[in-house]
């Protein structure tokens, strides 16, 4: 029997040897970097989408907070848009709270001399002062908000909205929020209450304003027991018609 022999020509090129019968094809190195890049790109896209979704839901929540409503008030004051400003004010509630503070200060003026009859007369006269108290509270509130907005400076609304929590102290309890700040070295305090997705101002807690109003109106009550409510009503109406 004859033996089969394989003859390898060492002078052949690698390409020629690869094509020769029985020669094994060389293994190709697989490139992994395209898969790695694609994976990283997908990860980045997922992070961006999640961040955008989180930012959107956070912003929607933030729009329901007292800080956002306060930002709307400051923005309206900066633009001198009183219609938008008044939308966030509950003047009736502000007036009623002002009457309560006024009553306490007025009664304290009489001290031990305050009798049940005098207290009843004060209660009867308070509704006559209510329009003036509401107007005074509204004017003072508008003035202080404008002073505070000037302190914040003219900035885009989004900047104002995001910086409000760092400018004031807001304490929220259920449906009520207390706002405290300092304007021209004077304490500035507001009470806000939820109204749907927004918050409205329902009280201005200003001891200086209340004291000034008491001082002014107590001049009309020198001897409270001798006051005729009907005469006082005509007097107050005459002032409003000026």
Protein backbone atom coordinates (compact mmCIF):
# COMPACT_ATOMS: atom_id res chain seq x y z
CA UNK A 1 0.00 0.00 0.00
CA UNK A 2 1.17 3.48 -0.84
CA UNK A 3 1.16 6.15 1.83
CA UNK A 4 -0.47 9.53 1.30
CA UNK A 5 1.85 12.36 2.04
CA UNK A 6 1.02 16.01 2.64
CA UNK A 7 3.53 18.38 1.24
CA UNK A 8 3.62 21.93 2.58
CA UNK A 9 5.33 24.52 0.50
CA UNK A 10 7.00 26.91 2.90
CA UNK A 11 7.39 29.47 0.15
CA UNK A 12 3.65 30.00 -0.13
CA UNK A 13 2.09 33.17 1.30
CA UNK A 14 -0.30 32.93 4.28
CA UNK A 15 -3.22 33.70 1.97
CA UNK A 16 -2.23 30.89 -0.36
CA UNK A 17 -1.81 28.46 2.52
CA UNK A 18 -5.26 29.43 3.80
CA UNK A 19 -6.73 28.48 0.47
CA UNK A 20 -4.89 25.17 0.28
CA UNK A 21 -6.91 22.04 0.96
CA UNK A 22 -7.07 21.00 4.57
CA UNK A 23 -5.88 24.37 5.91
CA UNK A 24 -7.94 25.87 8.77
CA UNK A 25 -9.26 29.48 8.44
CA UNK A 26 -7.80 31.89 11.04
CA UNK A 27 -10.15 33.05 13.79
CA UNK A 28 -11.38 36.65 13.53
CA UNK A 29 -11.28 38.83 16.62
CA UNK A 30 -14.78 40.05 17.55
CA UNK A 31 -15.11 43.77 18.40
CA UNK A 32 -16.98 44.43 21.65
CA UNK A 33 -16.80 48.23 21.80
CA UNK A 34 -19.91 48.87 19.59
CA UNK A 35 -22.04 46.84 22.02
CA UNK A 36 -20.52 48.67 24.99
CA UNK A 37 -21.23 52.08 23.43
CA UNK A 38 -24.79 51.08 22.59
CA UNK A 39 -25.34 49.90 26.18
CA UNK A 40 -23.97 53.13 27.62
CA UNK A 41 -26.10 55.20 25.25
CA UNK A 42 -29.23 53.30 26.28
CA UNK A 43 -28.33 53.82 29.96
CA UNK A 44 -27.88 57.57 29.43
CA UNK A 45 -31.21 57.84 27.62
CA UNK A 46 -32.96 55.95 30.42
CA UNK A 47 -31.43 58.27 33.06
CA UNK A 48 -32.48 61.38 31.11
CA UNK A 49 -36.05 60.08 30.69
CA UNK A 50 -36.34 59.21 34.39
CA UNK A 51 -34.91 62.59 35.41
CA UNK A 52 -37.32 64.42 33.10
CA UNK A 53 -40.28 62.43 34.42
CA UNK A 54 -39.21 63.04 38.02
CA UNK A 55 -38.75 66.75 37.37
CA UNK A 56 -42.16 67.00 35.75
CA UNK A 57 -43.99 65.31 38.64
CA UNK A 58 -42.01 67.34 41.20
CA UNK A 59 -42.95 70.58 39.41
CA UNK A 60 -46.62 69.56 39.31
CA UNK A 61 -46.48 68.93 43.05
CA UNK A 62 -44.62 72.18 43.70
CA UNK A 63 -47.40 74.11 41.94
CA UNK A 64 -49.76 73.01 44.73
CA UNK A 65 -47.57 74.39 47.54
CA UNK A 66 -47.83 77.74 49.37
CA UNK A 67 -44.37 78.69 48.07
CA UNK A 68 -45.57 78.55 44.45
CA UNK A 69 -48.66 80.68 45.21
CA UNK A 70 -46.43 83.18 47.00
CA UNK A 71 -44.21 83.26 43.90
CA UNK A 72 -47.29 84.07 41.80
CA UNK A 73 -48.12 86.92 44.20
CA UNK A 74 -44.58 88.31 44.01
CA UNK A 75 -44.58 88.03 40.22
CA UNK A 76 -47.92 89.89 39.99
CA UNK A 77 -46.55 92.63 42.28
CA UNK A 78 -43.42 93.01 40.14
CA UNK A 79 -45.54 93.33 37.00
CA UNK A 80 -48.00 95.62 38.83
CA UNK A 81 -50.78 93.25 37.74
CA UNK A 82 -53.26 93.95 40.52
CA UNK A 83 -55.95 91.72 39.00
CA UNK A 84 -53.63 88.70 39.28
CA UNK A 85 -52.48 89.93 42.70
CA UNK A 86 -56.04 90.17 44.07
CA UNK A 87 -56.85 86.64 42.88
CA UNK A 88 -54.64 85.35 45.67
CA UNK A 89 -56.16 87.56 48.37
CA UNK A 90 -59.23 86.74 50.43
CA UNK A 91 -60.06 90.30 51.48
CA UNK A 92 -63.15 89.28 53.47
CA UNK A 93 -61.15 86.80 55.54
CA UNK A 94 -58.29 89.27 55.93
CA UNK A 95 -60.77 91.88 57.17
CA UNK A 96 -62.37 89.51 59.68
CA UNK A 97 -58.98 88.53 61.08
CA UNK A 98 -58.01 92.18 61.27
CA UNK A 99 -61.23 92.92 63.20
CA UNK A 100 -60.34 90.21 65.72
CA UNK A 101 -56.88 91.71 66.28
CA UNK A 102 -58.34 95.20 66.44
CA UNK A 103 -60.92 94.14 69.04
CA UNK A 104 -58.27 92.59 71.27
CA UNK A 105 -56.10 95.71 71.11
CA UNK A 106 -59.04 98.06 71.66
CA UNK A 107 -60.28 96.12 74.70
CA UNK A 108 -56.77 96.04 76.18
CA UNK A 109 -56.74 99.84 76.08
CA UNK A 110 -59.50 99.96 78.67
CA UNK A 111 -57.92 97.34 80.89
CA UNK A 112 -59.75 96.81 84.17
CA UNK A 113 -62.16 99.63 83.31
CA UNK A 114 -63.70 97.54 80.54
CA UNK A 115 -67.21 96.50 81.54
CA UNK A 116 -69.53 94.00 79.91
CA UNK A 117 -71.61 96.86 78.55
CA UNK A 118 -68.58 98.59 77.04
CA UNK A 119 -67.41 95.34 75.51
CA UNK A 120 -70.82 94.85 73.93
CA UNK A 121 -70.69 98.37 72.52
CA UNK A 122 -67.29 97.66 71.01
CA UNK A 123 -68.70 94.53 69.38
CA UNK A 124 -71.57 96.56 67.96
CA UNK A 125 -69.22 99.19 66.54
CA UNK A 126 -66.73 96.82 64.94
CA UNK A 127 -68.85 96.16 61.81
CA UNK A 128 -68.78 99.92 61.20
CA UNK A 129 -65.00 99.86 61.16
CA UNK A 130 -64.77 96.73 59.00
CA UNK A 131 -64.61 98.50 55.58
CA UNK A 132 -61.78 100.74 56.80
CA UNK A 133 -59.94 97.79 58.33
CA UNK A 134 -60.22 95.79 55.11
CA UNK A 135 -58.98 98.70 53.03
CA UNK A 136 -56.10 99.46 55.39
CA UNK A 137 -55.06 95.78 55.50
CA UNK A 138 -55.20 95.48 51.71
CA UNK A 139 -53.13 98.63 51.16
CA UNK A 140 -50.55 97.60 53.73
CA UNK A 141 -50.33 94.08 52.36
CA UNK A 142 -49.88 95.38 48.81
CA UNK A 143 -47.17 97.76 50.01
CA UNK A 144 -45.25 95.09 51.91
CA UNK A 145 -45.48 92.55 49.09
CA UNK A 146 -44.14 95.12 46.63
CA UNK A 147 -41.28 95.95 48.99
CA UNK A 148 -40.48 92.26 49.31
CA UNK A 149 -40.67 91.73 45.54
CA UNK A 150 -38.27 94.65 45.07
CA UNK A 151 -35.92 92.94 47.51
CA UNK A 152 -36.12 89.75 45.44
CA UNK A 153 -35.39 91.74 42.28
CA UNK A 154 -36.64 91.50 38.72
CA UNK A 155 -36.03 87.89 37.78
CA UNK A 156 -37.74 85.36 35.52
CA UNK A 157 -40.71 83.71 37.19
CA UNK A 158 -39.10 80.28 37.25
CA UNK A 159 -36.16 81.72 39.21
CA UNK A 160 -38.49 83.48 41.67
CA UNK A 161 -40.54 80.33 42.14
CA UNK A 162 -37.50 78.21 42.91
CA UNK A 163 -35.89 80.75 45.28
CA UNK A 164 -38.97 81.60 47.37
CA UNK A 165 -38.39 78.76 49.91
CA UNK A 166 -34.93 80.20 50.65
CA UNK A 167 -36.27 83.74 51.12
CA UNK A 168 -39.09 83.06 53.58
CA UNK A 169 -39.94 80.57 56.27
CA UNK A 170 -43.08 78.58 55.46
CA UNK A 171 -44.72 76.35 58.05
CA UNK A 172 -47.56 74.22 56.71
CA UNK A 173 -50.12 72.47 58.86
CA UNK A 174 -52.98 70.69 57.08
CA UNK A 175 -54.75 73.32 54.94
CA UNK A 176 -53.09 76.36 56.54
CA UNK A 177 -49.62 77.82 56.08
CA UNK A 178 -47.70 80.49 57.98
CA UNK A 179 -45.26 82.66 56.04
CA UNK A 180 -42.61 84.65 57.92
CA UNK A 181 -40.00 87.03 56.57
CA UNK A 182 -38.31 90.33 57.37
CA UNK A 183 -38.84 93.47 55.32
CA UNK A 184 -36.92 96.64 56.17
CA UNK A 185 -36.12 95.21 59.61
CA UNK A 186 -39.83 94.61 60.25
CA UNK A 187 -41.33 91.15 60.76
CA UNK A 188 -43.66 90.19 57.94
CA UNK A 189 -46.16 87.42 58.60
CA UNK A 190 -48.91 86.03 56.43
CA UNK A 191 -51.42 83.26 56.90
CA UNK A 192 -52.46 81.35 53.79
CA UNK A 193 -55.11 78.71 53.24
CA UNK A 194 -55.47 76.14 50.47
CA UNK A 195 -57.94 77.03 47.75
CA UNK A 196 -58.02 74.18 45.24
CA UNK A 197 -54.54 73.78 43.76
CA UNK A 198 -53.52 77.25 44.95
CA UNK A 199 -53.26 79.11 48.26
CA UNK A 200 -54.81 82.43 49.24
CA UNK A 201 -53.77 84.97 51.86
CA UNK A 202 -56.34 85.10 54.66
CA UNK A 203 -54.52 87.14 57.30
CA UNK A 204 -51.85 89.77 57.68
CA UNK A 205 -50.25 89.50 61.12
CA UNK A 206 -48.78 92.96 61.52
CA UNK A 207 -48.66 94.29 65.07
CA UNK A 208 -47.43 97.68 63.91
CA UNK A 209 -50.36 98.11 61.50
CA UNK A 210 -52.89 96.90 64.06
CA UNK A 211 -51.53 99.26 66.70
CA UNK A 212 -51.66 102.16 64.25
CA UNK A 213 -55.27 101.41 63.36
CA UNK A 214 -56.22 101.13 67.01
CA UNK A 215 -54.53 104.43 67.76
CA UNK A 216 -56.35 106.07 64.86
CA UNK A 217 -59.81 104.67 65.55
CA UNK A 218 -59.67 104.97 69.30
CA UNK A 219 -59.64 108.73 68.77
CA UNK A 220 -63.24 108.35 67.71
CA UNK A 221 -64.04 106.44 70.91
CA UNK A 222 -62.94 108.76 73.71
CA UNK A 223 -65.85 107.77 75.93
CA UNK A 224 -67.16 104.61 74.47
CA UNK A 225 -70.23 104.50 76.71
CA UNK A 226 -71.46 107.78 75.30
CA UNK A 227 -71.13 106.91 71.62
CA UNK A 228 -74.21 106.75 69.45
CA UNK A 229 -73.60 104.01 66.86
CA UNK A 230 -75.93 105.67 64.33
CA UNK A 231 -73.99 108.95 64.50
CA UNK A 232 -70.73 107.06 64.13
CA UNK A 233 -72.10 105.18 61.12
CA UNK A 234 -73.01 108.48 59.41
CA UNK A 235 -69.55 109.80 60.20
CA UNK A 236 -67.83 106.76 58.73
CA UNK A 237 -70.01 106.83 55.62
CA UNK A 238 -69.13 110.50 55.18
CA UNK A 239 -65.42 109.62 55.24
CA UNK A 240 -65.82 106.91 52.61
CA UNK A 241 -67.67 109.27 50.29
CA UNK A 242 -64.87 111.85 50.31
